[in-house]
Amino acid sequence: MDSLRIDPTDLAIIITIFCFGLFSIFRGFVKELFSIIGWVAAILLAIYSTPLISPKIEETLPSIPHISLLIGILIVFFVYVLFRILGVKLQKIYISGNLNAINRSLGFLLGIAKGYAVICLILFVTKLFLKEDQYPIWMSSSKSFPLIESTTMALTSKLPMHLKKKLGGGSIRSFKAETKAKFENLNLPKLKRSYSKNDTTYNRDQRTLMDKKFKQLRSSQ
């Protein structure tokens, strides 16, 4: 029965992802799709264009602190708002009648994917500040974390080199090594509680029983 019990952390993750799906039903697929595309495009554009733009603006406005961060935030804001407006307009024009039910159903699936991505992002930020031995119990006991970590690892491998250096290359490499070890550990069979590292040979009773079985086999032949 213990194997069927759902960990509270896993239950919270499932509820969170499901809530994203429900929220996306009311928004619709088209609006939700353009919202996600807007976030992805805005973040990617900020990541790749900020290093090109910020040096020139820093020369013009050297007195403003953290100018690179401000530029990145502005790029994310304007690009996201542009895609959000575009999604609302397209949904009003093309989605009506029978298509509305399909639009909402696909919106639910897209919301599930969005919720999963948000969980991965939260885990990634957490991994930057905490080592595995510093995890709280509710986090280390989760059975779904290895899967979420593998997805996060795949996404972090796509980051540009200058961003990896800022985040800390050592932290990302450690993150990959920990995730690989967890996946290998998941494939190992669970040991019984009574198992001991010294239980590497047969005991006397087991050998006696085996001898009896061998004698029975020989006599039957």
N, C-alpha and C. Protein backbone atom coordinates (compact mmCIF):
# COMPACT_ATOMS: atom_id res chain seq x y z
N MET A 1 0.81 -1.21 0.00
CA MET A 1 0.00 0.00 0.00
C MET A 1 0.85 1.27 0.00
N ASP A 2 2.06 1.17 0.57
CA ASP A 2 2.93 2.35 0.61
C ASP A 2 3.28 2.82 -0.79
N SER A 3 3.42 1.85 -1.74
CA SER A 3 3.79 2.23 -3.09
C SER A 3 2.67 2.98 -3.81
N LEU A 4 1.40 2.79 -3.33
CA LEU A 4 0.26 3.46 -3.94
C LEU A 4 -0.01 4.83 -3.31
N ARG A 5 0.63 5.13 -2.21
CA ARG A 5 0.40 6.40 -1.53
C ARG A 5 1.06 7.54 -2.29
N ILE A 6 0.32 8.62 -2.49
CA ILE A 6 0.84 9.77 -3.22
C ILE A 6 1.51 10.72 -2.23
N ASP A 7 2.73 11.11 -2.55
CA ASP A 7 3.46 12.04 -1.70
C ASP A 7 2.76 13.41 -1.72
N PRO A 8 2.68 14.11 -0.58
CA PRO A 8 2.00 15.42 -0.54
C PRO A 8 2.58 16.42 -1.54
N THR A 9 3.91 16.40 -1.73
CA THR A 9 4.52 17.30 -2.69
C THR A 9 4.07 16.99 -4.11
N ASP A 10 4.03 15.70 -4.45
CA ASP A 10 3.56 15.30 -5.77
C ASP A 10 2.10 15.69 -5.97
N LEU A 11 1.30 15.55 -4.93
CA LEU A 11 -0.11 15.93 -5.01
C LEU A 11 -0.25 17.43 -5.25
N ALA A 12 0.58 18.22 -4.56
CA ALA A 12 0.55 19.68 -4.75
C ALA A 12 0.96 20.05 -6.18
N ILE A 13 1.96 19.34 -6.72
CA ILE A 13 2.40 19.59 -8.10
C ILE A 13 1.28 19.26 -9.08
N ILE A 14 0.61 18.13 -8.88
CA ILE A 14 -0.49 17.73 -9.77
C ILE A 14 -1.63 18.75 -9.72
N ILE A 15 -1.98 19.20 -8.52
CA ILE A 15 -3.06 20.19 -8.37
C ILE A 15 -2.69 21.50 -9.04
N THR A 16 -1.43 21.93 -8.87
CA THR A 16 -0.97 23.18 -9.49
C THR A 16 -1.06 23.11 -11.01
N ILE A 17 -0.56 22.00 -11.58
CA ILE A 17 -0.60 21.84 -13.04
C ILE A 17 -2.05 21.78 -13.53
N PHE A 18 -2.91 21.08 -12.78
CA PHE A 18 -4.32 20.98 -13.16
C PHE A 18 -5.01 22.34 -13.11
N CYS A 19 -4.65 23.17 -12.14
CA CYS A 19 -5.22 24.52 -12.04
C CYS A 19 -4.83 25.37 -13.25
N PHE A 20 -3.59 25.22 -13.71
CA PHE A 20 -3.17 25.91 -14.93
C PHE A 20 -4.04 25.47 -16.11
N GLY A 21 -4.33 24.17 -16.17
CA GLY A 21 -5.18 23.66 -17.24
C GLY A 21 -6.59 24.23 -17.18
N LEU A 22 -7.18 24.29 -15.98
CA LEU A 22 -8.53 24.84 -15.82
C LEU A 22 -8.57 26.31 -16.20
N PHE A 23 -7.56 27.05 -15.79
CA PHE A 23 -7.51 28.48 -16.11
C PHE A 23 -7.43 28.69 -17.62
N SER A 24 -6.69 27.79 -18.30
CA SER A 24 -6.52 27.92 -19.74
C SER A 24 -7.78 27.54 -20.51
N ILE A 25 -8.69 26.77 -19.89
CA ILE A 25 -9.98 26.47 -20.53
C ILE A 25 -10.74 27.77 -20.79
N PHE A 26 -10.75 28.66 -19.82
CA PHE A 26 -11.49 29.92 -19.96
C PHE A 26 -10.78 30.89 -20.90
N ARG A 27 -9.47 30.79 -20.98
CA ARG A 27 -8.72 31.67 -21.88
C ARG A 27 -8.82 31.21 -23.33
N GLY A 28 -8.82 29.90 -23.54
CA GLY A 28 -8.87 29.37 -24.90
C GLY A 28 -7.49 29.09 -25.45
N PHE A 29 -7.43 28.20 -26.45
CA PHE A 29 -6.16 27.74 -27.00
C PHE A 29 -5.39 28.86 -27.69
N VAL A 30 -6.08 29.62 -28.54
CA VAL A 30 -5.40 30.66 -29.33
C VAL A 30 -4.79 31.71 -28.42
N LYS A 31 -5.58 32.20 -27.47
CA LYS A 31 -5.07 33.22 -26.55
C LYS A 31 -3.93 32.68 -25.70
N GLU A 32 -4.08 31.43 -25.23
CA GLU A 32 -3.04 30.82 -24.40
C GLU A 32 -1.78 30.56 -25.21
N LEU A 33 -1.96 30.12 -26.47
CA LEU A 33 -0.80 29.85 -27.33
C LEU A 33 0.01 31.11 -27.57
N PHE A 34 -0.67 32.20 -27.89
CA PHE A 34 0.05 33.45 -28.14
C PHE A 34 0.65 34.01 -26.86
N SER A 35 0.03 33.72 -25.73
CA SER A 35 0.61 34.13 -24.45
C SER A 35 1.93 33.40 -24.19
N ILE A 36 1.95 32.08 -24.45
CA ILE A 36 3.17 31.29 -24.26
C ILE A 36 4.24 31.69 -25.26
N ILE A 37 3.83 31.85 -26.54
CA ILE A 37 4.78 32.28 -27.57
C ILE A 37 5.35 33.64 -27.21
N GLY A 38 4.49 34.51 -26.66
CA GLY A 38 4.95 35.84 -26.26
C GLY A 38 6.00 35.77 -25.17
N TRP A 39 5.77 34.91 -24.15
CA TRP A 39 6.75 34.76 -23.07
C TRP A 39 8.07 34.20 -23.60
N VAL A 40 7.97 33.13 -24.41
CA VAL A 40 9.19 32.49 -24.93
C VAL A 40 9.96 33.46 -25.82
N ALA A 41 9.24 34.12 -26.75
CA ALA A 41 9.90 35.06 -27.66
C ALA A 41 10.51 36.23 -26.90
N ALA A 42 9.78 36.73 -25.90
CA ALA A 42 10.27 37.87 -25.12
C ALA A 42 11.53 37.51 -24.34
N ILE A 43 11.52 36.34 -23.70
CA ILE A 43 12.69 35.92 -22.91
C ILE A 43 13.89 35.64 -23.80
N LEU A 44 13.67 34.93 -24.92
CA LEU A 44 14.77 34.63 -25.84
C LEU A 44 15.34 35.91 -26.45
N LEU A 45 14.45 36.81 -26.84
CA LEU A 45 14.92 38.08 -27.41
C LEU A 45 15.71 38.88 -26.39
N ALA A 46 15.25 38.87 -25.14
CA ALA A 46 15.98 39.59 -24.09
C ALA A 46 17.34 38.96 -23.82
N ILE A 47 17.40 37.62 -23.82
CA ILE A 47 18.66 36.92 -23.54
C ILE A 47 19.70 37.19 -24.62
N TYR A 48 19.27 37.14 -25.88
CA TYR A 48 20.24 37.24 -26.98
C TYR A 48 20.52 38.68 -27.41
N SER A 49 19.56 39.59 -27.20
CA SER A 49 19.76 40.96 -27.68
C SER A 49 20.33 41.90 -26.61
N THR A 50 20.08 41.60 -25.34
CA THR A 50 20.58 42.48 -24.27
C THR A 50 22.10 42.64 -24.30
N PRO A 51 22.90 41.55 -24.46
CA PRO A 51 24.37 41.74 -24.53
C PRO A 51 24.81 42.60 -25.71
N LEU A 52 24.01 42.69 -26.76
CA LEU A 52 24.36 43.50 -27.92
C LEU A 52 23.97 44.96 -27.73
N ILE A 53 22.86 45.18 -27.03
CA ILE A 53 22.33 46.54 -26.89
C ILE A 53 22.91 47.27 -25.68
N SER A 54 23.07 46.56 -24.57
CA SER A 54 23.44 47.21 -23.30
C SER A 54 24.77 47.95 -23.33
N PRO A 55 25.84 47.46 -24.01
CA PRO A 55 27.10 48.23 -24.00
C PRO A 55 26.95 49.63 -24.59
N LYS A 56 26.15 49.75 -25.66
CA LYS A 56 25.97 51.07 -26.29
C LYS A 56 25.17 52.00 -25.38
N ILE A 57 24.15 51.46 -24.71
CA ILE A 57 23.35 52.30 -23.82
C ILE A 57 24.13 52.65 -22.56
N GLU A 58 24.99 51.75 -22.09
CA GLU A 58 25.82 52.04 -20.91
C GLU A 58 26.78 53.19 -21.19
N GLU A 59 27.25 53.29 -22.43
CA GLU A 59 28.12 54.42 -22.80
C GLU A 59 27.36 55.73 -22.79
N THR A 60 26.09 55.68 -23.22
CA THR A 60 25.27 56.89 -23.27
C THR A 60 24.75 57.27 -21.90
N LEU A 61 24.35 56.26 -21.10
CA LEU A 61 23.77 56.51 -19.77
C LEU A 61 24.56 55.74 -18.71
N PRO A 62 25.78 56.16 -18.42
CA PRO A 62 26.61 55.40 -17.47
C PRO A 62 26.15 55.51 -16.02
N SER A 63 25.31 56.50 -15.70
CA SER A 63 24.91 56.72 -14.31
C SER A 63 23.79 55.79 -13.85
N ILE A 64 23.14 55.10 -14.78
CA ILE A 64 22.02 54.23 -14.41
C ILE A 64 22.55 52.86 -13.98
N PRO A 65 22.28 52.42 -12.74
CA PRO A 65 22.77 51.10 -12.29
C PRO A 65 21.94 49.96 -12.88
N HIS A 66 22.60 48.82 -13.07
CA HIS A 66 21.93 47.60 -13.56
C HIS A 66 21.18 47.86 -14.87
N ILE A 67 21.83 48.55 -15.78
CA ILE A 67 21.18 48.92 -17.03
C ILE A 67 20.83 47.69 -17.87
N SER A 68 21.67 46.65 -17.82
CA SER A 68 21.41 45.44 -18.61
C SER A 68 20.12 44.76 -18.14
N LEU A 69 19.92 44.71 -16.83
CA LEU A 69 18.71 44.10 -16.28
C LEU A 69 17.47 44.89 -16.68
N LEU A 70 17.56 46.21 -16.63
CA LEU A 70 16.43 47.06 -17.00
C LEU A 70 16.07 46.90 -18.48
N ILE A 71 17.09 46.81 -19.32
CA ILE A 71 16.85 46.62 -20.76
C ILE A 71 16.16 45.29 -21.01
N GLY A 72 16.64 44.25 -20.35
CA GLY A 72 16.03 42.93 -20.51
C GLY A 72 14.57 42.91 -20.08
N ILE A 73 14.26 43.58 -18.96
CA ILE A 73 12.87 43.63 -18.47
C ILE A 73 11.98 44.39 -19.45
N LEU A 74 12.48 45.49 -20.00
CA LEU A 74 11.70 46.28 -20.96
C LEU A 74 11.42 45.48 -22.23
N ILE A 75 12.42 44.75 -22.71
CA ILE A 75 12.23 43.93 -23.92
C ILE A 75 11.17 42.86 -23.67
N VAL A 76 11.27 42.18 -22.52
CA VAL A 76 10.29 41.15 -22.18
C VAL A 76 8.89 41.73 -22.10
N PHE A 77 8.75 42.89 -21.48
CA PHE A 77 7.44 43.51 -21.30
C PHE A 77 6.79 43.87 -22.64
N PHE A 78 7.52 44.57 -23.50
CA PHE A 78 6.93 45.04 -24.76
C PHE A 78 6.62 43.89 -25.72
N VAL A 79 7.51 42.91 -25.81
CA VAL A 79 7.28 41.78 -26.71
C VAL A 79 6.10 40.95 -26.22
N TYR A 80 6.01 40.72 -24.91
CA TYR A 80 4.90 39.92 -24.38
C TYR A 80 3.56 40.63 -24.60
N VAL A 81 3.50 41.92 -24.34
CA VAL A 81 2.26 42.68 -24.54
C VAL A 81 1.83 42.64 -26.00
N LEU A 82 2.78 42.73 -26.92
CA LEU A 82 2.48 42.68 -28.35
C LEU A 82 1.83 41.35 -28.73
N PHE A 83 2.40 40.24 -28.28
CA PHE A 83 1.85 38.92 -28.60
C PHE A 83 0.51 38.70 -27.89
N ARG A 84 0.36 39.23 -26.70
CA ARG A 84 -0.90 39.09 -25.96
C ARG A 84 -2.04 39.78 -26.70
N ILE A 85 -1.80 40.99 -27.18
CA ILE A 85 -2.82 41.72 -27.93
C ILE A 85 -3.16 40.99 -29.23
N LEU A 86 -2.13 40.47 -29.89
CA LEU A 86 -2.33 39.73 -31.14
C LEU A 86 -3.19 38.49 -30.92
N GLY A 87 -2.94 37.76 -29.83
CA GLY A 87 -3.71 36.57 -29.52
C GLY A 87 -5.17 36.87 -29.25
N VAL A 88 -5.45 37.95 -28.52
CA VAL A 88 -6.83 38.34 -28.22
C VAL A 88 -7.58 38.71 -29.49
N LYS A 89 -6.93 39.46 -30.37
CA LYS A 89 -7.55 39.88 -31.63
C LYS A 89 -7.88 38.68 -32.51
N LEU A 90 -6.92 37.76 -32.66
CA LEU A 90 -7.14 36.59 -33.52
C LEU A 90 -8.23 35.68 -32.98
N GLN A 91 -8.30 35.53 -31.66
CA GLN A 91 -9.33 34.67 -31.08
C GLN A 91 -10.72 35.26 -31.31
N LYS A 92 -10.86 36.56 -31.24
CA LYS A 92 -12.15 37.20 -31.47
C LYS A 92 -12.58 37.07 -32.94
N ILE A 93 -11.60 37.10 -33.85
CA ILE A 93 -11.92 37.07 -35.28
C ILE A 93 -12.27 35.67 -35.75
N TYR A 94 -11.44 34.67 -35.38
CA TYR A 94 -11.54 33.34 -36.00
C TYR A 94 -12.27 32.30 -35.15
N ILE A 95 -12.32 32.46 -33.84
CA ILE A 95 -12.91 31.43 -32.98
C ILE A 95 -14.33 31.82 -32.59
N SER A 96 -15.29 31.01 -33.05
CA SER A 96 -16.69 31.24 -32.70
C SER A 96 -17.47 29.95 -32.95
N GLY A 97 -18.66 29.82 -32.34
CA GLY A 97 -19.53 28.68 -32.58
C GLY A 97 -18.92 27.36 -32.15
N ASN A 98 -18.93 26.38 -33.08
CA ASN A 98 -18.44 25.03 -32.78
C ASN A 98 -16.94 25.01 -32.49
N LEU A 99 -16.22 25.93 -33.08
CA LEU A 99 -14.77 25.96 -32.86
C LEU A 99 -14.42 26.37 -31.44
N ASN A 100 -15.35 27.00 -30.75
CA ASN A 100 -15.07 27.47 -29.40
C ASN A 100 -14.82 26.31 -28.44
N ALA A 101 -15.57 25.19 -28.60
CA ALA A 101 -15.38 24.02 -27.73
C ALA A 101 -14.00 23.40 -27.96
N ILE A 102 -13.61 23.29 -29.23
CA ILE A 102 -12.27 22.76 -29.55
C ILE A 102 -11.20 23.69 -29.02
N ASN A 103 -11.44 24.98 -29.15
CA ASN A 103 -10.48 25.98 -28.68
C ASN A 103 -10.25 25.86 -27.17
N ARG A 104 -11.32 25.61 -26.42
CA ARG A 104 -11.19 25.48 -24.96
C ARG A 104 -10.55 24.15 -24.56
N SER A 105 -10.88 23.08 -25.29
CA SER A 105 -10.29 21.77 -24.97
C SER A 105 -8.78 21.77 -25.21
N LEU A 106 -8.37 22.32 -26.34
CA LEU A 106 -6.93 22.42 -26.62
C LEU A 106 -6.26 23.39 -25.66
N GLY A 107 -7.01 24.39 -25.22
CA GLY A 107 -6.47 25.32 -24.23
C GLY A 107 -6.13 24.63 -22.93
N PHE A 108 -6.97 23.65 -22.52
CA PHE A 108 -6.71 22.89 -21.30
C PHE A 108 -5.39 22.13 -21.41
N LEU A 109 -5.16 21.44 -22.54
CA LEU A 109 -3.92 20.69 -22.73
C LEU A 109 -2.71 21.61 -22.73
N LEU A 110 -2.87 22.76 -23.36
CA LEU A 110 -1.76 23.71 -23.39
C LEU A 110 -1.49 24.28 -22.00
N GLY A 111 -2.55 24.45 -21.23
CA GLY A 111 -2.38 24.92 -19.85
C GLY A 111 -1.65 23.92 -18.98
N ILE A 112 -1.90 22.63 -19.20
CA ILE A 112 -1.18 21.58 -18.48
C ILE A 112 0.32 21.67 -18.78
N ALA A 113 0.65 21.84 -20.06
CA ALA A 113 2.06 21.97 -20.45
C ALA A 113 2.68 23.23 -19.84
N LYS A 114 1.92 24.30 -19.79
CA LYS A 114 2.41 25.55 -19.21
C LYS A 114 2.67 25.39 -17.71
N GLY A 115 1.75 24.71 -17.02
CA GLY A 115 1.94 24.47 -15.59
C GLY A 115 3.18 23.65 -15.30
N TYR A 116 3.42 22.63 -16.13
CA TYR A 116 4.61 21.80 -15.97
C TYR A 116 5.88 22.62 -16.19
N ALA A 117 5.84 23.52 -17.18
CA ALA A 117 7.00 24.38 -17.45
C ALA A 117 7.28 25.32 -16.28
N VAL A 118 6.23 25.82 -15.65
CA VAL A 118 6.40 26.71 -14.49
C VAL A 118 7.03 25.95 -13.32
N ILE A 119 6.61 24.70 -13.10
CA ILE A 119 7.21 23.87 -12.04
C ILE A 119 8.69 23.66 -12.33
N CYS A 120 9.04 23.40 -13.59
CA CYS A 120 10.45 23.22 -13.97
C CYS A 120 11.26 24.48 -13.70
N LEU A 121 10.67 25.64 -14.00
CA LEU A 121 11.35 26.91 -13.77
C LEU A 121 11.58 27.14 -12.28
N ILE A 122 10.58 26.83 -11.46
CA ILE A 122 10.73 26.99 -10.01
C ILE A 122 11.84 26.09 -9.48
N LEU A 123 11.89 24.86 -9.98
CA LEU A 123 12.94 23.92 -9.55
C LEU A 123 14.32 24.42 -9.97
N PHE A 124 14.42 24.97 -11.18
CA PHE A 124 15.71 25.46 -11.67
C PHE A 124 16.22 26.60 -10.78
N VAL A 125 15.34 27.54 -10.44
CA VAL A 125 15.74 28.66 -9.58
C VAL A 125 16.14 28.14 -8.20
N THR A 126 15.40 27.16 -7.69
CA THR A 126 15.72 26.58 -6.38
C THR A 126 17.09 25.92 -6.39
N LYS A 127 17.41 25.22 -7.49
CA LYS A 127 18.69 24.52 -7.59
C LYS A 127 19.88 25.48 -7.62
N LEU A 128 19.64 26.71 -8.05
CA LEU A 128 20.72 27.70 -8.08
C LEU A 128 21.12 28.16 -6.68
N PHE A 129 20.20 28.06 -5.74
CA PHE A 129 20.45 28.58 -4.40
C PHE A 129 20.62 27.49 -3.34
N LEU A 130 20.15 26.28 -3.61
CA LEU A 130 20.23 25.20 -2.64
C LEU A 130 20.94 23.99 -3.22
N LYS A 131 21.79 23.36 -2.40
CA LYS A 131 22.37 22.08 -2.78
C LYS A 131 21.39 20.98 -2.38
N GLU A 132 21.62 19.78 -2.92
CA GLU A 132 20.66 18.70 -2.68
C GLU A 132 20.56 18.33 -1.21
N ASP A 133 21.69 18.39 -0.47
CA ASP A 133 21.64 18.05 0.95
C ASP A 133 20.95 19.12 1.79
N GLN A 134 20.64 20.28 1.17
CA GLN A 134 19.94 21.35 1.86
C GLN A 134 18.44 21.35 1.57
N TYR A 135 17.98 20.42 0.74
CA TYR A 135 16.57 20.36 0.40
C TYR A 135 15.72 20.08 1.65
N PRO A 136 14.57 20.74 1.78
CA PRO A 136 13.63 20.35 2.85
C PRO A 136 13.06 18.96 2.57
N ILE A 137 12.50 18.33 3.59
CA ILE A 137 12.01 16.95 3.47
C ILE A 137 10.92 16.85 2.41
N TRP A 138 10.01 17.84 2.37
CA TRP A 138 8.90 17.77 1.41
C TRP A 138 9.39 17.80 -0.03
N MET A 139 10.58 18.33 -0.24
CA MET A 139 11.13 18.43 -1.60
C MET A 139 11.91 17.16 -1.96
N SER A 140 12.71 16.66 -1.04
CA SER A 140 13.53 15.48 -1.32
C SER A 140 12.71 14.20 -1.38
N SER A 141 11.52 14.20 -0.77
CA SER A 141 10.69 12.98 -0.77
C SER A 141 9.83 12.83 -2.02
N SER A 142 9.81 13.85 -2.86
CA SER A 142 8.95 13.82 -4.04
C SER A 142 9.44 12.79 -5.06
N LYS A 143 8.52 11.97 -5.58
CA LYS A 143 8.85 10.97 -6.58
C LYS A 143 8.83 11.54 -8.00
N SER A 144 8.21 12.69 -8.17
CA SER A 144 8.12 13.29 -9.50
C SER A 144 9.29 14.20 -9.82
N PHE A 145 10.12 14.54 -8.81
CA PHE A 145 11.21 15.48 -9.03
C PHE A 145 12.25 14.99 -10.04
N PRO A 146 12.63 13.69 -10.06
CA PRO A 146 13.60 13.26 -11.08
C PRO A 146 13.14 13.54 -12.51
N LEU A 147 11.85 13.34 -12.79
CA LEU A 147 11.32 13.63 -14.12
C LEU A 147 11.36 15.12 -14.41
N ILE A 148 10.98 15.93 -13.42
CA ILE A 148 11.01 17.38 -13.59
C ILE A 148 12.44 17.87 -13.76
N GLU A 149 13.36 17.28 -13.00
CA GLU A 149 14.77 17.66 -13.10
C GLU A 149 15.34 17.32 -14.48
N SER A 150 14.95 16.19 -15.05
CA SER A 150 15.46 15.81 -16.37
C SER A 150 14.99 16.80 -17.43
N THR A 151 13.74 17.26 -17.33
CA THR A 151 13.23 18.26 -18.26
C THR A 151 13.97 19.58 -18.09
N THR A 152 14.19 19.97 -16.84
CA THR A 152 14.91 21.21 -16.56
C THR A 152 16.34 21.14 -17.07
N MET A 153 16.97 19.98 -16.92
CA MET A 153 18.34 19.79 -17.41
C MET A 153 18.40 19.94 -18.92
N ALA A 154 17.41 19.38 -19.62
CA ALA A 154 17.37 19.49 -21.08
C ALA A 154 17.22 20.94 -21.52
N LEU A 155 16.44 21.71 -20.76
CA LEU A 155 16.23 23.12 -21.11
C LEU A 155 17.47 23.96 -20.81
N THR A 156 18.14 23.69 -19.69
CA THR A 156 19.33 24.46 -19.34
C THR A 156 20.49 24.22 -20.31
N SER A 157 20.51 23.04 -20.94
CA SER A 157 21.57 22.76 -21.91
C SER A 157 21.45 23.61 -23.16
N LYS A 158 20.26 24.22 -23.37
CA LYS A 158 20.04 25.06 -24.55
C LYS A 158 20.35 26.53 -24.30
N LEU A 159 20.69 26.87 -23.07
CA LEU A 159 20.99 28.27 -22.75
C LEU A 159 22.27 28.72 -23.45
N PRO A 160 22.35 30.00 -23.84
CA PRO A 160 23.59 30.51 -24.44
C PRO A 160 24.73 30.52 -23.44
N MET A 161 25.96 30.49 -23.95
CA MET A 161 27.13 30.33 -23.09
C MET A 161 27.29 31.48 -22.10
N HIS A 162 27.01 32.73 -22.55
CA HIS A 162 27.21 33.87 -21.64
C HIS A 162 26.25 33.81 -20.46
N LEU A 163 25.06 33.24 -20.67
CA LEU A 163 24.11 33.12 -19.58
C LEU A 163 24.49 31.99 -18.64
N LYS A 164 25.06 30.90 -19.19
CA LYS A 164 25.52 29.80 -18.35
C LYS A 164 26.63 30.26 -17.40
N LYS A 165 27.51 31.14 -17.91
CA LYS A 165 28.60 31.64 -17.07
C LYS A 165 28.06 32.50 -15.93
N LYS A 166 27.04 33.31 -16.23
CA LYS A 166 26.46 34.16 -15.19
C LYS A 166 25.74 33.33 -14.12
N LEU A 167 25.07 32.28 -14.58
CA LEU A 167 24.35 31.41 -13.64
C LEU A 167 25.29 30.51 -12.85
N GLY A 168 26.47 30.28 -13.44
CA GLY A 168 27.43 29.40 -12.79
C GLY A 168 27.49 28.06 -13.46
N GLY A 169 28.54 27.85 -14.25
CA GLY A 169 28.68 26.59 -14.97
C GLY A 169 28.79 25.40 -14.05
N GLY A 170 29.46 25.60 -12.90
CA GLY A 170 29.61 24.51 -11.94
C GLY A 170 28.28 24.05 -11.38
N SER A 171 27.38 25.01 -11.12
CA SER A 171 26.06 24.66 -10.59
C SER A 171 25.26 23.85 -11.58
N ILE A 172 25.35 24.21 -12.87
CA ILE A 172 24.60 23.49 -13.90
C ILE A 172 25.17 22.09 -14.09
N ARG A 173 26.52 21.96 -14.07
CA ARG A 173 27.13 20.63 -14.21
C ARG A 173 26.76 19.75 -13.03
N SER A 174 26.76 20.32 -11.82
CA SER A 174 26.36 19.57 -10.63
C SER A 174 24.90 19.15 -10.72
N PHE A 175 24.08 20.03 -11.25
CA PHE A 175 22.66 19.74 -11.44
C PHE A 175 22.47 18.55 -12.37
N LYS A 176 23.23 18.50 -13.47
CA LYS A 176 23.13 17.39 -14.42
C LYS A 176 23.59 16.09 -13.79
N ALA A 177 24.70 16.14 -13.03
CA ALA A 177 25.23 14.92 -12.40
C ALA A 177 24.25 14.36 -11.38
N GLU A 178 23.63 15.24 -10.58
CA GLU A 178 22.66 14.79 -9.57
C GLU A 178 21.45 14.15 -10.24
N THR A 179 20.97 14.76 -11.32
CA THR A 179 19.79 14.24 -12.01
C THR A 179 20.07 12.88 -12.63
N LYS A 180 21.25 12.71 -13.23
CA LYS A 180 21.62 11.42 -13.83
C LYS A 180 21.69 10.34 -12.76
N ALA A 181 22.27 10.67 -11.62
CA ALA A 181 22.38 9.69 -10.53
C ALA A 181 21.00 9.29 -10.01
N LYS A 182 20.07 10.24 -9.94
CA LYS A 182 18.73 9.93 -9.46
C LYS A 182 17.99 9.00 -10.41
N PHE A 183 18.17 9.24 -11.72
CA PHE A 183 17.51 8.38 -12.69
C PHE A 183 18.06 6.96 -12.64
N GLU A 184 19.38 6.84 -12.47
CA GLU A 184 19.98 5.51 -12.35
C GLU A 184 19.48 4.81 -11.08
N ASN A 185 19.29 5.59 -10.03
CA ASN A 185 18.82 5.03 -8.76
C ASN A 185 17.37 4.56 -8.85
N LEU A 186 16.58 5.23 -9.69
CA LEU A 186 15.18 4.84 -9.86
C LEU A 186 15.04 3.47 -10.49
N ASN A 187 16.02 3.09 -11.34
CA ASN A 187 15.96 1.81 -12.03
C ASN A 187 16.42 0.64 -11.19
N LEU A 188 16.99 0.91 -10.01
CA LEU A 188 17.47 -0.16 -9.15
C LEU A 188 16.31 -0.77 -8.37
N PRO A 189 16.33 -2.07 -8.14
CA PRO A 189 15.25 -2.69 -7.34
C PRO A 189 15.33 -2.25 -5.89
N LYS A 190 14.18 -2.12 -5.27
CA LYS A 190 14.11 -1.72 -3.86
C LYS A 190 14.55 -2.87 -2.96
N LEU A 191 15.43 -2.57 -2.01
CA LEU A 191 15.92 -3.58 -1.08
C LEU A 191 14.95 -3.75 0.08
N LYS A 192 14.88 -4.95 0.60
CA LYS A 192 14.04 -5.20 1.75
C LYS A 192 14.61 -4.52 2.99
N ARG A 193 13.74 -4.18 3.91
CA ARG A 193 14.18 -3.48 5.12
C ARG A 193 15.12 -4.33 5.96
N SER A 194 14.93 -5.66 5.91
CA SER A 194 15.76 -6.56 6.72
C SER A 194 17.10 -6.87 6.06
N TYR A 195 17.33 -6.27 4.88
CA TYR A 195 18.57 -6.57 4.17
C TYR A 195 19.76 -5.96 4.90
N SER A 196 20.86 -6.72 4.92
CA SER A 196 22.10 -6.24 5.51
C SER A 196 23.22 -6.39 4.50
N LYS A 197 24.17 -5.48 4.53
CA LYS A 197 25.31 -5.56 3.61
C LYS A 197 26.13 -6.82 3.83
N ASN A 198 26.01 -7.43 5.02
CA ASN A 198 26.76 -8.66 5.31
C ASN A 198 26.09 -9.90 4.73
N ASP A 199 24.83 -9.74 4.23
CA ASP A 199 24.09 -10.88 3.70
C ASP A 199 24.55 -11.19 2.27
N THR A 200 25.80 -11.62 2.12
CA THR A 200 26.36 -11.88 0.80
C THR A 200 26.52 -13.37 0.52
N THR A 201 26.29 -14.25 1.55
CA THR A 201 26.43 -15.70 1.37
C THR A 201 25.22 -16.40 1.95
N TYR A 202 25.07 -17.68 1.60
CA TYR A 202 23.98 -18.49 2.15
C TYR A 202 24.29 -18.84 3.60
N ASN A 203 23.27 -18.85 4.46
CA ASN A 203 23.48 -19.28 5.84
C ASN A 203 23.36 -20.81 5.93
N ARG A 204 23.53 -21.36 7.13
CA ARG A 204 23.57 -22.82 7.32
C ARG A 204 22.23 -23.46 6.94
N ASP A 205 21.13 -22.87 7.37
CA ASP A 205 19.82 -23.44 7.06
C ASP A 205 19.55 -23.46 5.56
N GLN A 206 19.96 -22.38 4.89
CA GLN A 206 19.76 -22.32 3.44
C GLN A 206 20.57 -23.39 2.72
N ARG A 207 21.82 -23.61 3.18
CA ARG A 207 22.66 -24.63 2.55
C ARG A 207 22.10 -26.04 2.79
N THR A 208 21.59 -26.28 4.01
CA THR A 208 20.99 -27.59 4.33
C THR A 208 19.77 -27.86 3.45
N LEU A 209 18.95 -26.84 3.27
CA LEU A 209 17.76 -26.99 2.43
C LEU A 209 18.14 -27.26 0.98
N MET A 210 19.17 -26.57 0.52
CA MET A 210 19.63 -26.78 -0.86
C MET A 210 20.18 -28.19 -1.06
N ASP A 211 20.92 -28.70 -0.06
CA ASP A 211 21.45 -30.07 -0.14
C ASP A 211 20.32 -31.09 -0.24
N LYS A 212 19.26 -30.87 0.54
CA LYS A 212 18.13 -31.79 0.49
C LYS A 212 17.47 -31.78 -0.88
N LYS A 213 17.34 -30.60 -1.45
CA LYS A 213 16.72 -30.50 -2.77
C LYS A 213 17.56 -31.20 -3.83
N PHE A 214 18.88 -31.03 -3.75
CA PHE A 214 19.77 -31.69 -4.71
C PHE A 214 19.68 -33.22 -4.58
N LYS A 215 19.62 -33.72 -3.33
CA LYS A 215 19.52 -35.16 -3.11
C LYS A 215 18.21 -35.72 -3.67
N GLN A 216 17.12 -34.96 -3.50
CA GLN A 216 15.83 -35.38 -4.04
C GLN A 216 15.86 -35.44 -5.56
N LEU A 217 16.53 -34.47 -6.17
CA LEU A 217 16.64 -34.46 -7.63
C LEU A 217 17.45 -35.66 -8.14
N ARG A 218 18.54 -35.97 -7.43
CA ARG A 218 19.39 -37.10 -7.85
C ARG A 218 18.64 -38.43 -7.72
N SER A 219 17.90 -38.58 -6.58
CA SER A 219 17.17 -39.83 -6.37
C SER A 219 16.05 -40.02 -7.39
N SER A 220 15.45 -38.92 -7.81
CA SER A 220 14.38 -39.02 -8.81
C SER A 220 14.90 -39.40 -10.18
N GLN A 221 16.19 -39.11 -10.43
CA GLN A 221 16.79 -39.47 -11.71
C GLN A 221 17.17 -40.95 -11.74
